[in-house]
Amino acid sequence: MKREGGVPDSYTYPPIIKACSTQCEVSLGSALHGSALRCGVEGDLFVRTSLIDFYGNCKHIFSARELFDDMSDRNVVSWTVMDVGDLEEAKRLFNEMPQRNVASWNAIIRGLVKMVDLKGARRMFDEMPERNVVSYTTMIDGYAKAGDMASARFLFEQVPQRDIFVWSALISGYAQSGQPNEAVKAFLEMDSRDVKPDEFVMVSLMSACSQIGNLELTKWVDSYVSRSTMDTQQPHVAAALVDMNAKCGNMEQATKLFEEMPKKDLISYCSMIQGLSYHGHGNKAVDLFNKMINGGLVPDEVAFTIILSACSHAGFVEEGRHYFERMRYEYSFTSFS
């Protein structure tokens, strides 16, 4: 636009600065700040607020605070984006805010959850004059990540209107905390209420199925996915499908899905190698590991643990010794952490 003689205005900068904030492009964002100064729009409320958000997200707290303090016309959005930058500063600013909305409360609760201060977050949550589904989802997600699924479920039951995000927080929480059967139950409950799952919910369900190891359940999930409009070529979805089928012994389907993956990463290879090993295909596991290395992927400690275990299960003593030597001398892994 500038090359063609166009002049950026206060409407031009915020979305571009937001993009820099999302990717944390510090040098580009700083250059845009300088450009906004030269164009005389840096003092605009929306431009200034987007710059505060950018510097806060990129951990340049001093720059964010300097811009905030220099603002003569602060709105609730300005106070809220400043909240996100630094927790201790956020607490002080929150107490100074002349008016607070739900987004402001959610921002401070999100910061406390991020710092694993669940007691502080719950105290703020209980003090909120008004809550929305984001408030509940943030707390449920925090409890779930801390492994306190009883508290997560208790809050979940209080949510007036449950959207896909609050269901996702509960289901992923159960899957990640080693309660796969509860994750499946929650998914079936969600499905019975006609809430359409997104790919993140389905990945959590697949993770739960991988832990349970039930072949019939795995086939049901495969069928459910095939009837949906979900893009199974998304890397995280494809990898979860491969992992679920491999761990549950549906090796024909796992192999088919693996071969269809446009780009195979280390995690997908490891899922297949482990599945082949568990279900009596030691030779295929070794062949796939070699194919992975020859294709340019660098194995990590997990990959070596899997292939050494595969060699042990199949009785491949020489191959196991060979991989152990490569692990130590070629890849410099001396022990497993």
C-alpha atoms as a PDB file:
ATOM      1  CA  MET A   1       0.000   0.000   0.000  1.00  0.00           C
ATOM      2  CA  LYS A   2       2.788   2.428   0.956  1.00  0.00           C
ATOM      3  CA  ARG A   3       4.744   1.533  -2.216  1.00  0.00           C
ATOM      4  CA  GLU A   4       1.722   2.593  -4.278  1.00  0.00           C
ATOM      5  CA  GLY A   5       1.491   5.914  -2.474  1.00  0.00           C
ATOM      6  CA  GLY A   6      -1.302   5.026  -0.055  1.00  0.00           C
ATOM      7  CA  VAL A   7      -1.250   6.579   3.407  1.00  0.00           C
ATOM      8  CA  PRO A   8      -2.085   4.262   6.332  1.00  0.00           C
ATOM      9  CA  ASP A   9      -4.557   5.624   8.885  1.00  0.00           C
ATOM     10  CA  SER A  10      -5.839   4.671  12.332  1.00  0.00           C
ATOM     11  CA  TYR A  11      -7.960   1.893  10.791  1.00  0.00           C
ATOM     12  CA  THR A  12      -4.995   0.354   8.977  1.00  0.00           C
ATOM     13  CA  TYR A  13      -2.655  -0.279  11.898  1.00  0.00           C
ATOM     14  CA  PRO A  14      -4.647  -2.253  14.542  1.00  0.00           C
ATOM     15  CA  PRO A  15      -5.242  -5.460  12.488  1.00  0.00           C
ATOM     16  CA  ILE A  16      -1.609  -5.521  11.274  1.00  0.00           C
ATOM     17  CA  ILE A  17      -0.264  -4.935  14.790  1.00  0.00           C
ATOM     18  CA  LYS A  18      -2.625  -7.674  16.029  1.00  0.00           C
ATOM     19  CA  ALA A  19      -1.048 -10.091  13.537  1.00  0.00           C
ATOM     20  CA  CYS A  20       2.411  -9.178  14.880  1.00  0.00           C
ATOM     21  CA  SER A  21       1.122  -9.729  18.420  1.00  0.00           C
ATOM     22  CA  THR A  22      -0.178 -13.205  17.575  1.00  0.00           C
ATOM     23  CA  GLN A  23       3.159 -14.241  16.031  1.00  0.00           C
ATOM     24  CA  CYS A  24       5.211 -12.174  18.487  1.00  0.00           C
ATOM     25  CA  GLU A  25       7.038 -10.445  15.614  1.00  0.00           C
ATOM     26  CA  VAL A  26       8.870  -7.913  17.781  1.00  0.00           C
ATOM     27  CA  SER A  27      10.969  -6.214  15.090  1.00  0.00           C
ATOM     28  CA  LEU A  28       8.052  -5.849  12.665  1.00  0.00           C
ATOM     29  CA  GLY A  29       5.696  -4.643  15.409  1.00  0.00           C
ATOM     30  CA  SER A  30       8.237  -2.071  16.570  1.00  0.00           C
ATOM     31  CA  ALA A  31       8.646  -0.883  12.982  1.00  0.00           C
ATOM     32  CA  LEU A  32       4.878  -0.451  12.717  1.00  0.00           C
ATOM     33  CA  HIS A  33       4.938   1.522  15.970  1.00  0.00           C
ATOM     34  CA  GLY A  34       7.506   3.860  14.418  1.00  0.00           C
ATOM     35  CA  SER A  35       5.447   4.141  11.242  1.00  0.00           C
ATOM     36  CA  ALA A  36       2.318   5.006  13.267  1.00  0.00           C
ATOM     37  CA  LEU A  37       4.296   7.737  15.042  1.00  0.00           C
ATOM     38  CA  ARG A  38       5.454   9.225  11.738  1.00  0.00           C
ATOM     39  CA  CYS A  39       1.901   9.134  10.342  1.00  0.00           C
ATOM     40  CA  GLY A  40       0.570  10.907  13.432  1.00  0.00           C
ATOM     41  CA  VAL A  41      -1.868   8.146  14.469  1.00  0.00           C
ATOM     42  CA  GLU A  42       0.093   6.572  17.330  1.00  0.00           C
ATOM     43  CA  GLY A  43      -2.026   8.478  19.861  1.00  0.00           C
ATOM     44  CA  ASP A  44      -5.295   7.100  18.478  1.00  0.00           C
ATOM     45  CA  LEU A  45      -7.098   5.053  21.154  1.00  0.00           C
ATOM     46  CA  PHE A  46      -7.389   1.893  19.034  1.00  0.00           C
ATOM     47  CA  VAL A  47      -3.847   2.082  17.644  1.00  0.00           C
ATOM     48  CA  ARG A  48      -2.425   2.686  21.126  1.00  0.00           C
ATOM     49  CA  THR A  49      -4.477  -0.183  22.594  1.00  0.00           C
ATOM     50  CA  SER A  50      -3.286  -2.591  19.882  1.00  0.00           C
ATOM     51  CA  LEU A  51       0.327  -1.538  20.586  1.00  0.00           C
ATOM     52  CA  ILE A  52      -0.123  -2.158  24.334  1.00  0.00           C
ATOM     53  CA  ASP A  53      -1.525  -5.602  23.521  1.00  0.00           C
ATOM     54  CA  PHE A  54       1.417  -6.293  21.183  1.00  0.00           C
ATOM     55  CA  TYR A  55       4.114  -5.289  23.692  1.00  0.00           C
ATOM     56  CA  GLY A  56       2.357  -7.121  26.526  1.00  0.00           C
ATOM     57  CA  ASN A  57       2.053 -10.375  24.583  1.00  0.00           C
ATOM     58  CA  CYS A  58       5.700 -10.147  23.526  1.00  0.00           C
ATOM     59  CA  LYS A  59       6.764  -9.631  27.186  1.00  0.00           C
ATOM     60  CA  HIS A  60       7.989  -6.053  26.616  1.00  0.00           C
ATOM     61  CA  ILE A  61       6.167  -4.960  29.758  1.00  0.00           C
ATOM     62  CA  PHE A  62       8.047  -1.671  30.193  1.00  0.00           C
ATOM     63  CA  SER A  63       7.061  -0.490  26.688  1.00  0.00           C
ATOM     64  CA  ALA A  64       3.450  -1.571  27.254  1.00  0.00           C
ATOM     65  CA  ARG A  65       3.278   0.239  30.594  1.00  0.00           C
ATOM     66  CA  GLU A  66       4.901   3.377  29.164  1.00  0.00           C
ATOM     67  CA  LEU A  67       2.265   3.581  26.415  1.00  0.00           C
ATOM     68  CA  PHE A  68      -0.531   2.872  28.887  1.00  0.00           C
ATOM     69  CA  ASP A  69       0.592   5.554  31.353  1.00  0.00           C
ATOM     70  CA  ASP A  70       0.785   8.093  28.517  1.00  0.00           C
ATOM     71  CA  MET A  71      -2.845   7.507  27.477  1.00  0.00           C
ATOM     72  CA  SER A  72      -5.235  10.289  28.370  1.00  0.00           C
ATOM     73  CA  ASP A  73      -8.339   8.426  27.193  1.00  0.00           C
ATOM     74  CA  ARG A  74      -8.292   4.871  28.538  1.00  0.00           C
ATOM     75  CA  ASN A  75     -11.260   2.614  27.866  1.00  0.00           C
ATOM     76  CA  VAL A  76     -12.078  -0.781  29.374  1.00  0.00           C
ATOM     77  CA  VAL A  77     -10.326  -2.529  26.473  1.00  0.00           C
ATOM     78  CA  SER A  78      -7.100  -0.623  27.190  1.00  0.00           C
ATOM     79  CA  TRP A  79      -7.190  -1.656  30.843  1.00  0.00           C
ATOM     80  CA  THR A  80      -7.955  -5.261  29.895  1.00  0.00           C
ATOM     81  CA  VAL A  81      -5.149  -5.726  27.366  1.00  0.00           C
ATOM     82  CA  MET A  82      -2.744  -4.185  29.850  1.00  0.00           C
ATOM     83  CA  ASP A  83      -3.915  -6.817  32.334  1.00  0.00           C
ATOM     84  CA  VAL A  84      -2.609  -9.627  30.141  1.00  0.00           C
ATOM     85  CA  GLY A  85       1.019  -8.510  30.075  1.00  0.00           C
ATOM     86  CA  ASP A  86       2.348  -9.185  33.590  1.00  0.00           C
ATOM     87  CA  LEU A  87       0.470 -10.801  36.469  1.00  0.00           C
ATOM     88  CA  GLU A  88       1.712  -8.708  39.398  1.00  0.00           C
ATOM     89  CA  GLU A  89       1.258  -5.521  37.422  1.00  0.00           C
ATOM     90  CA  ALA A  90      -2.120  -6.821  36.273  1.00  0.00           C
ATOM     91  CA  LYS A  91      -3.332  -7.262  39.851  1.00  0.00           C
ATOM     92  CA  ARG A  92      -2.379  -3.677  40.700  1.00  0.00           C
ATOM     93  CA  LEU A  93      -3.964  -2.295  37.533  1.00  0.00           C
ATOM     94  CA  PHE A  94      -7.093  -4.351  38.085  1.00  0.00           C
ATOM     95  CA  ASN A  95      -7.543  -2.778  41.515  1.00  0.00           C
ATOM     96  CA  GLU A  96      -7.082   0.694  39.964  1.00  0.00           C
ATOM     97  CA  MET A  97      -9.610   0.197  37.155  1.00  0.00           C
ATOM     98  CA  PRO A  98     -12.415   2.758  37.347  1.00  0.00           C
ATOM     99  CA  GLN A  99     -14.816   0.277  35.761  1.00  0.00           C
ATOM    100  CA  ARG A 100     -14.544  -3.442  35.118  1.00  0.00           C
ATOM    101  CA  ASN A 101     -16.392  -5.659  32.691  1.00  0.00           C
ATOM    102  CA  VAL A 102     -16.515  -9.452  32.333  1.00  0.00           C
ATOM    103  CA  ALA A 103     -13.511  -9.407  29.974  1.00  0.00           C
ATOM    104  CA  SER A 104     -11.403  -7.613  32.608  1.00  0.00           C
ATOM    105  CA  TRP A 105     -12.306 -10.180  35.263  1.00  0.00           C
ATOM    106  CA  ASN A 106     -11.638 -13.023  32.821  1.00  0.00           C
ATOM    107  CA  ALA A 107      -8.224 -11.583  31.950  1.00  0.00           C
ATOM    108  CA  ILE A 108      -7.057 -11.493  35.570  1.00  0.00           C
ATOM    109  CA  ILE A 109      -8.478 -14.974  36.258  1.00  0.00           C
ATOM    110  CA  ARG A 110      -6.724 -16.297  33.141  1.00  0.00           C
ATOM    111  CA  GLY A 111      -3.444 -14.827  34.395  1.00  0.00           C
ATOM    112  CA  LEU A 112      -3.862 -16.448  37.815  1.00  0.00           C
ATOM    113  CA  VAL A 113      -4.709 -19.807  36.224  1.00  0.00           C
ATOM    114  CA  LYS A 114      -1.646 -19.513  34.003  1.00  0.00           C
ATOM    115  CA  MET A 115       0.484 -19.056  37.126  1.00  0.00           C
ATOM    116  CA  VAL A 116      -1.266 -22.105  38.686  1.00  0.00           C
ATOM    117  CA  ASP A 117      -2.672 -19.898  41.453  1.00  0.00           C
ATOM    118  CA  LEU A 118      -6.011 -21.692  41.432  1.00  0.00           C
ATOM    119  CA  LYS A 119      -6.991 -20.486  44.900  1.00  0.00           C
ATOM    120  CA  GLY A 120      -6.507 -16.877  43.822  1.00  0.00           C
ATOM    121  CA  ALA A 121      -8.319 -17.513  40.547  1.00  0.00           C
ATOM    122  CA  ARG A 122     -11.254 -19.143  42.330  1.00  0.00           C
ATOM    123  CA  ARG A 123     -11.443 -16.267  44.802  1.00  0.00           C
ATOM    124  CA  MET A 124     -11.692 -13.779  41.915  1.00  0.00           C
ATOM    125  CA  PHE A 125     -14.177 -16.043  40.132  1.00  0.00           C
ATOM    126  CA  ASP A 126     -16.412 -16.156  43.212  1.00  0.00           C
ATOM    127  CA  GLU A 127     -16.253 -12.348  43.520  1.00  0.00           C
ATOM    128  CA  MET A 128     -17.314 -11.723  39.906  1.00  0.00           C
ATOM    129  CA  PRO A 129     -20.564  -9.743  39.765  1.00  0.00           C
ATOM    130  CA  GLU A 130     -21.360 -11.388  36.431  1.00  0.00           C
ATOM    131  CA  ARG A 131     -19.887 -14.499  34.782  1.00  0.00           C
ATOM    132  CA  ASN A 132     -19.996 -15.787  31.226  1.00  0.00           C
ATOM    133  CA  VAL A 133     -19.063 -19.119  29.660  1.00  0.00           C
ATOM    134  CA  VAL A 134     -15.449 -17.936  29.240  1.00  0.00           C
ATOM    135  CA  SER A 135     -15.181 -17.430  33.017  1.00  0.00           C
ATOM    136  CA  TYR A 136     -16.320 -20.996  33.657  1.00  0.00           C
ATOM    137  CA  THR A 137     -14.183 -22.469  30.869  1.00  0.00           C
ATOM    138  CA  THR A 138     -11.034 -20.755  32.175  1.00  0.00           C
ATOM    139  CA  MET A 139     -11.554 -22.146  35.677  1.00  0.00           C
ATOM    140  CA  ILE A 140     -12.515 -25.638  34.450  1.00  0.00           C
ATOM    141  CA  ASP A 141      -9.437 -25.727  32.222  1.00  0.00           C
ATOM    142  CA  GLY A 142      -7.255 -24.605  35.141  1.00  0.00           C
ATOM    143  CA  TYR A 143      -8.611 -27.302  37.460  1.00  0.00           C
ATOM    144  CA  ALA A 144      -8.274 -29.913  34.711  1.00  0.00           C
ATOM    145  CA  LYS A 145      -4.639 -29.048  34.008  1.00  0.00           C
ATOM    146  CA  ALA A 146      -3.951 -29.337  37.755  1.00  0.00           C
ATOM    147  CA  GLY A 147      -5.590 -32.784  37.777  1.00  0.00           C
ATOM    148  CA  ASP A 148      -8.466 -31.674  40.015  1.00  0.00           C
ATOM    149  CA  MET A 149     -11.266 -33.116  37.913  1.00  0.00           C
ATOM    150  CA  ALA A 150     -13.715 -33.176  40.841  1.00  0.00           C
ATOM    151  CA  SER A 151     -13.591 -29.351  41.045  1.00  0.00           C
ATOM    152  CA  ALA A 152     -13.670 -29.093  37.244  1.00  0.00           C
ATOM    153  CA  ARG A 153     -16.808 -31.237  37.063  1.00  0.00           C
ATOM    154  CA  PHE A 154     -18.446 -29.363  39.952  1.00  0.00           C
ATOM    155  CA  LEU A 155     -18.053 -26.045  38.099  1.00  0.00           C
ATOM    156  CA  PHE A 156     -19.063 -27.625  34.796  1.00  0.00           C
ATOM    157  CA  GLU A 157     -22.414 -28.609  36.304  1.00  0.00           C
ATOM    158  CA  GLN A 158     -23.021 -24.938  37.186  1.00  0.00           C
ATOM    159  CA  VAL A 159     -22.488 -23.575  33.648  1.00  0.00           C
ATOM    160  CA  PRO A 160     -25.863 -22.168  32.490  1.00  0.00           C
ATOM    161  CA  GLN A 161     -25.211 -22.593  28.755  1.00  0.00           C
ATOM    162  CA  ARG A 162     -22.499 -25.043  27.751  1.00  0.00           C
ATOM    163  CA  ASP A 163     -20.775 -24.346  24.442  1.00  0.00           C
ATOM    164  CA  ILE A 164     -18.214 -26.525  22.658  1.00  0.00           C
ATOM    165  CA  PHE A 165     -15.312 -24.857  24.474  1.00  0.00           C
ATOM    166  CA  VAL A 166     -16.516 -25.740  27.963  1.00  0.00           C
ATOM    167  CA  TRP A 167     -17.215 -29.328  26.854  1.00  0.00           C
ATOM    168  CA  SER A 168     -13.741 -29.466  25.311  1.00  0.00           C
ATOM    169  CA  ALA A 169     -12.123 -28.300  28.568  1.00  0.00           C
ATOM    170  CA  LEU A 170     -13.895 -31.073  30.502  1.00  0.00           C
ATOM    171  CA  ILE A 171     -13.258 -33.888  28.001  1.00  0.00           C
ATOM    172  CA  SER A 172      -9.587 -33.004  27.439  1.00  0.00           C
ATOM    173  CA  GLY A 173      -9.182 -32.689  31.210  1.00  0.00           C
ATOM    174  CA  TYR A 174     -10.428 -36.226  31.775  1.00  0.00           C
ATOM    175  CA  ALA A 175      -8.246 -37.579  28.950  1.00  0.00           C
ATOM    176  CA  GLN A 176      -5.108 -35.801  30.181  1.00  0.00           C
ATOM    177  CA  SER A 177      -5.603 -36.755  33.825  1.00  0.00           C
ATOM    178  CA  GLY A 178      -5.795 -40.489  33.170  1.00  0.00           C
ATOM    179  CA  GLN A 179      -9.590 -40.825  33.371  1.00  0.00           C
ATOM    180  CA  PRO A 180     -10.339 -41.977  29.804  1.00  0.00           C
ATOM    181  CA  ASN A 181     -13.652 -43.668  30.616  1.00  0.00           C
ATOM    182  CA  GLU A 182     -14.964 -40.395  32.078  1.00  0.00           C
ATOM    183  CA  ALA A 183     -13.801 -38.588  28.925  1.00  0.00           C
ATOM    184  CA  VAL A 184     -15.817 -40.998  26.766  1.00  0.00           C
ATOM    185  CA  LYS A 185     -18.872 -40.625  29.036  1.00  0.00           C
ATOM    186  CA  ALA A 186     -18.644 -36.823  28.823  1.00  0.00           C
ATOM    187  CA  PHE A 187     -18.364 -37.013  25.023  1.00  0.00           C
ATOM    188  CA  LEU A 188     -21.464 -39.225  24.775  1.00  0.00           C
ATOM    189  CA  GLU A 189     -23.330 -36.822  27.066  1.00  0.00           C
ATOM    190  CA  MET A 190     -22.300 -33.903  24.847  1.00  0.00           C
ATOM    191  CA  ASP A 191     -23.344 -35.804  21.713  1.00  0.00           C
ATOM    192  CA  SER A 192     -26.755 -36.582  23.242  1.00  0.00           C
ATOM    193  CA  ARG A 193     -27.293 -32.834  23.698  1.00  0.00           C
ATOM    194  CA  ASP A 194     -26.632 -32.222  19.974  1.00  0.00           C
ATOM    195  CA  VAL A 195     -23.448 -30.225  20.561  1.00  0.00           C
ATOM    196  CA  LYS A 196     -21.274 -30.718  17.490  1.00  0.00           C
ATOM    197  CA  PRO A 197     -17.674 -31.660  18.380  1.00  0.00           C
ATOM    198  CA  ASP A 198     -14.728 -29.835  16.842  1.00  0.00           C
ATOM    199  CA  GLU A 199     -11.365 -31.393  16.006  1.00  0.00           C
ATOM    200  CA  PHE A 200      -9.950 -30.596  19.458  1.00  0.00           C
ATOM    201  CA  VAL A 201     -12.715 -32.539  21.207  1.00  0.00           C
ATOM    202  CA  MET A 202     -12.229 -35.446  18.801  1.00  0.00           C
ATOM    203  CA  VAL A 203      -8.467 -35.504  19.410  1.00  0.00           C
ATOM    204  CA  SER A 204      -9.154 -35.659  23.172  1.00  0.00           C
ATOM    205  CA  LEU A 205     -11.621 -38.506  22.592  1.00  0.00           C
ATOM    206  CA  MET A 206      -9.042 -40.363  20.491  1.00  0.00           C
ATOM    207  CA  SER A 207      -6.486 -39.911  23.259  1.00  0.00           C
ATOM    208  CA  ALA A 208      -8.974 -41.434  25.721  1.00  0.00           C
ATOM    209  CA  CYS A 209      -9.599 -44.370  23.372  1.00  0.00           C
ATOM    210  CA  SER A 210      -5.836 -44.923  23.042  1.00  0.00           C
ATOM    211  CA  GLN A 211      -5.623 -45.235  26.826  1.00  0.00           C
ATOM    212  CA  ILE A 212      -8.582 -47.622  27.067  1.00  0.00           C
ATOM    213  CA  GLY A 213      -7.354 -49.859  24.227  1.00  0.00           C
ATOM    214  CA  ASN A 214     -10.831 -51.063  23.236  1.00  0.00           C
ATOM    215  CA  LEU A 215     -10.963 -52.067  19.569  1.00  0.00           C
ATOM    216  CA  GLU A 216     -14.755 -51.775  19.229  1.00  0.00           C
ATOM    217  CA  LEU A 217     -14.730 -48.272  20.708  1.00  0.00           C
ATOM    218  CA  THR A 218     -11.941 -47.305  18.307  1.00  0.00           C
ATOM    219  CA  LYS A 219     -13.950 -48.544  15.320  1.00  0.00           C
ATOM    220  CA  TRP A 220     -16.953 -46.555  16.566  1.00  0.00           C
ATOM    221  CA  VAL A 221     -14.844 -43.370  16.754  1.00  0.00           C
ATOM    222  CA  ASP A 222     -13.452 -44.053  13.251  1.00  0.00           C
ATOM    223  CA  SER A 223     -17.003 -44.414  11.961  1.00  0.00           C
ATOM    224  CA  TYR A 224     -18.116 -41.257  13.783  1.00  0.00           C
ATOM    225  CA  VAL A 225     -15.256 -39.261  12.224  1.00  0.00           C
ATOM    226  CA  SER A 226     -15.919 -40.632   8.724  1.00  0.00           C
ATOM    227  CA  ARG A 227     -19.571 -39.510   8.957  1.00  0.00           C
ATOM    228  CA  SER A 228     -18.566 -36.007  10.044  1.00  0.00           C
ATOM    229  CA  THR A 229     -17.285 -33.122   7.942  1.00  0.00           C
ATOM    230  CA  MET A 230     -14.026 -33.004   9.895  1.00  0.00           C
ATOM    231  CA  ASP A 231     -10.806 -32.544   7.927  1.00  0.00           C
ATOM    232  CA  THR A 232      -8.845 -35.653   8.920  1.00  0.00           C
ATOM    233  CA  GLN A 233      -5.808 -34.417   6.987  1.00  0.00           C
ATOM    234  CA  GLN A 234      -5.101 -31.803   9.641  1.00  0.00           C
ATOM    235  CA  PRO A 235      -1.796 -32.974  11.164  1.00  0.00           C
ATOM    236  CA  HIS A 236      -3.001 -33.183  14.790  1.00  0.00           C
ATOM    237  CA  VAL A 237      -6.190 -35.044  13.803  1.00  0.00           C
ATOM    238  CA  ALA A 238      -4.404 -37.492  11.486  1.00  0.00           C
ATOM    239  CA  ALA A 239      -1.714 -38.190  14.100  1.00  0.00           C
ATOM    240  CA  ALA A 240      -4.357 -38.846  16.795  1.00  0.00           C
ATOM    241  CA  LEU A 241      -6.256 -41.231  14.499  1.00  0.00           C
ATOM    242  CA  VAL A 242      -3.082 -43.173  13.714  1.00  0.00           C
ATOM    243  CA  ASP A 243      -2.122 -43.345  17.391  1.00  0.00           C
ATOM    244  CA  MET A 244      -5.583 -44.513  18.477  1.00  0.00           C
ATOM    245  CA  ASN A 245      -5.839 -47.252  15.858  1.00  0.00           C
ATOM    246  CA  ALA A 246      -2.257 -48.424  16.379  1.00  0.00           C
ATOM    247  CA  LYS A 247      -2.578 -48.657  20.161  1.00  0.00           C
ATOM    248  CA  CYS A 248      -5.912 -50.467  19.942  1.00  0.00           C
ATOM    249  CA  GLY A 249      -4.624 -53.081  17.486  1.00  0.00           C
ATOM    250  CA  ASN A 250      -6.480 -51.882  14.388  1.00  0.00           C
ATOM    251  CA  MET A 251      -3.234 -52.020  12.414  1.00  0.00           C
ATOM    252  CA  GLU A 252      -4.820 -52.217   8.968  1.00  0.00           C
ATOM    253  CA  GLN A 253      -6.668 -48.937   9.533  1.00  0.00           C
ATOM    254  CA  ALA A 254      -3.648 -47.369  11.271  1.00  0.00           C
ATOM    255  CA  THR A 255      -1.423 -48.255   8.297  1.00  0.00           C
ATOM    256  CA  LYS A 256      -3.974 -46.884   5.816  1.00  0.00           C
ATOM    257  CA  LEU A 257      -4.288 -43.607   7.724  1.00  0.00           C
ATOM    258  CA  PHE A 258      -0.519 -43.344   8.147  1.00  0.00           C
ATOM    259  CA  GLU A 259       0.119 -43.837   4.426  1.00  0.00           C
ATOM    260  CA  GLU A 260      -2.498 -41.191   3.596  1.00  0.00           C
ATOM    261  CA  MET A 261      -0.840 -38.561   5.796  1.00  0.00           C
ATOM    262  CA  PRO A 262       0.547 -35.768   3.575  1.00  0.00           C
ATOM    263  CA  LYS A 263       3.363 -35.103   6.035  1.00  0.00           C
ATOM    264  CA  LYS A 264       4.517 -37.649   8.582  1.00  0.00           C
ATOM    265  CA  ASP A 265       6.230 -36.347  11.714  1.00  0.00           C
ATOM    266  CA  LEU A 266       8.209 -38.084  14.447  1.00  0.00           C
ATOM    267  CA  ILE A 267       5.133 -38.560  16.650  1.00  0.00           C
ATOM    268  CA  SER A 268       3.207 -40.338  13.876  1.00  0.00           C
ATOM    269  CA  TYR A 269       6.140 -42.615  13.094  1.00  0.00           C
ATOM    270  CA  CYS A 270       6.548 -43.456  16.786  1.00  0.00           C
ATOM    271  CA  SER A 271       2.835 -44.291  17.097  1.00  0.00           C
ATOM    272  CA  MET A 272       3.053 -46.687  14.155  1.00  0.00           C
ATOM    273  CA  ILE A 273       6.317 -48.285  15.284  1.00  0.00           C
ATOM    274  CA  GLN A 274       4.947 -48.806  18.792  1.00  0.00           C
ATOM    275  CA  GLY A 275       1.677 -50.244  17.455  1.00  0.00           C
ATOM    276  CA  LEU A 276       3.495 -52.661  15.143  1.00  0.00           C
ATOM    277  CA  SER A 277       5.717 -53.770  18.005  1.00  0.00           C
ATOM    278  CA  TYR A 278       2.867 -54.281  20.483  1.00  0.00           C
ATOM    279  CA  HIS A 279       0.901 -56.378  18.041  1.00  0.00           C
ATOM    280  CA  GLY A 280       3.629 -58.769  16.942  1.00  0.00           C
ATOM    281  CA  HIS A 281       5.078 -57.074  13.868  1.00  0.00           C
ATOM    282  CA  GLY A 282       8.683 -56.606  15.029  1.00  0.00           C
ATOM    283  CA  ASN A 283      10.194 -56.770  11.534  1.00  0.00           C
ATOM    284  CA  LYS A 284       7.811 -54.109  10.237  1.00  0.00           C
ATOM    285  CA  ALA A 285       8.563 -51.914  13.268  1.00  0.00           C
ATOM    286  CA  VAL A 286      12.310 -52.080  12.565  1.00  0.00           C
ATOM    287  CA  ASP A 287      11.786 -51.447   8.838  1.00  0.00           C
ATOM    288  CA  LEU A 288       9.631 -48.400   9.571  1.00  0.00           C
ATOM    289  CA  PHE A 289      12.183 -47.000  12.032  1.00  0.00           C
ATOM    290  CA  ASN A 290      14.901 -47.318   9.375  1.00  0.00           C
ATOM    291  CA  LYS A 291      12.620 -45.701   6.791  1.00  0.00           C
ATOM    292  CA  MET A 292      12.010 -42.819   9.198  1.00  0.00           C
ATOM    293  CA  ILE A 293      15.734 -42.172   9.669  1.00  0.00           C
ATOM    294  CA  ASN A 294      16.478 -42.548   5.947  1.00  0.00           C
ATOM    295  CA  GLY A 295      13.732 -40.007   5.263  1.00  0.00           C
ATOM    296  CA  GLY A 296      15.619 -37.391   7.279  1.00  0.00           C
ATOM    297  CA  LEU A 297      13.740 -37.392  10.589  1.00  0.00           C
ATOM    298  CA  VAL A 298      15.982 -37.277  13.654  1.00  0.00           C
ATOM    299  CA  PRO A 299      14.915 -39.723  16.396  1.00  0.00           C
ATOM    300  CA  ASP A 300      14.646 -38.453  19.959  1.00  0.00           C
ATOM    301  CA  GLU A 301      14.917 -40.387  23.223  1.00  0.00           C
ATOM    302  CA  VAL A 302      11.277 -41.477  23.005  1.00  0.00           C
ATOM    303  CA  ALA A 303      11.818 -42.909  19.514  1.00  0.00           C
ATOM    304  CA  PHE A 304      14.866 -44.851  20.703  1.00  0.00           C
ATOM    305  CA  THR A 305      12.951 -46.140  23.738  1.00  0.00           C
ATOM    306  CA  ILE A 306      10.235 -47.447  21.393  1.00  0.00           C
ATOM    307  CA  ILE A 307      12.591 -49.150  18.927  1.00  0.00           C
ATOM    308  CA  LEU A 308      14.707 -50.709  21.685  1.00  0.00           C
ATOM    309  CA  SER A 309      11.527 -52.016  23.298  1.00  0.00           C
ATOM    310  CA  ALA A 310      10.397 -53.368  19.907  1.00  0.00           C
ATOM    311  CA  CYS A 311      13.706 -55.202  19.480  1.00  0.00           C
ATOM    312  CA  SER A 312      13.419 -56.616  22.992  1.00  0.00           C
ATOM    313  CA  HIS A 313       9.859 -57.893  22.443  1.00  0.00           C
ATOM    314  CA  ALA A 314      10.783 -59.474  19.102  1.00  0.00           C
ATOM    315  CA  GLY A 315      14.030 -61.003  20.391  1.00  0.00           C
ATOM    316  CA  PHE A 316      16.172 -58.953  17.986  1.00  0.00           C
ATOM    317  CA  VAL A 317      19.333 -58.863  20.099  1.00  0.00           C
ATOM    318  CA  GLU A 318      21.763 -57.689  17.401  1.00  0.00           C
ATOM    319  CA  GLU A 319      19.396 -55.035  16.080  1.00  0.00           C
ATOM    320  CA  GLY A 320      18.828 -53.783  19.615  1.00  0.00           C
ATOM    321  CA  ARG A 321      22.558 -53.524  20.226  1.00  0.00           C
ATOM    322  CA  HIS A 322      22.965 -51.703  16.890  1.00  0.00           C
ATOM    323  CA  TYR A 323      20.335 -49.075  17.790  1.00  0.00           C
ATOM    324  CA  PHE A 324      21.737 -48.670  21.284  1.00  0.00           C
ATOM    325  CA  GLU A 325      25.182 -47.918  19.834  1.00  0.00           C
ATOM    326  CA  ARG A 326      23.716 -45.435  17.343  1.00  0.00           C
ATOM    327  CA  MET A 327      21.780 -43.773  20.144  1.00  0.00           C
ATOM    328  CA  ARG A 328      24.939 -43.285  22.192  1.00  0.00           C
ATOM    329  CA  TYR A 329      27.555 -42.436  19.589  1.00  0.00           C
ATOM    330  CA  GLU A 330      25.675 -41.017  16.605  1.00  0.00           C
ATOM    331  CA  TYR A 331      22.923 -39.125  18.433  1.00  0.00           C
ATOM    332  CA  SER A 332      24.682 -38.572  21.792  1.00  0.00           C
ATOM    333  CA  PHE A 333      21.904 -39.912  24.027  1.00  0.00           C
ATOM    334  CA  THR A 334      23.641 -41.508  26.993  1.00  0.00           C
ATOM    335  CA  SER A 335      20.615 -42.195  29.183  1.00  0.00           C
ATOM    336  CA  PHE A 336      16.849 -41.897  29.197  1.00  0.00           C
ATOM    337  CA  SER A 337      15.273 -39.104  31.242  1.00  0.00           C
END
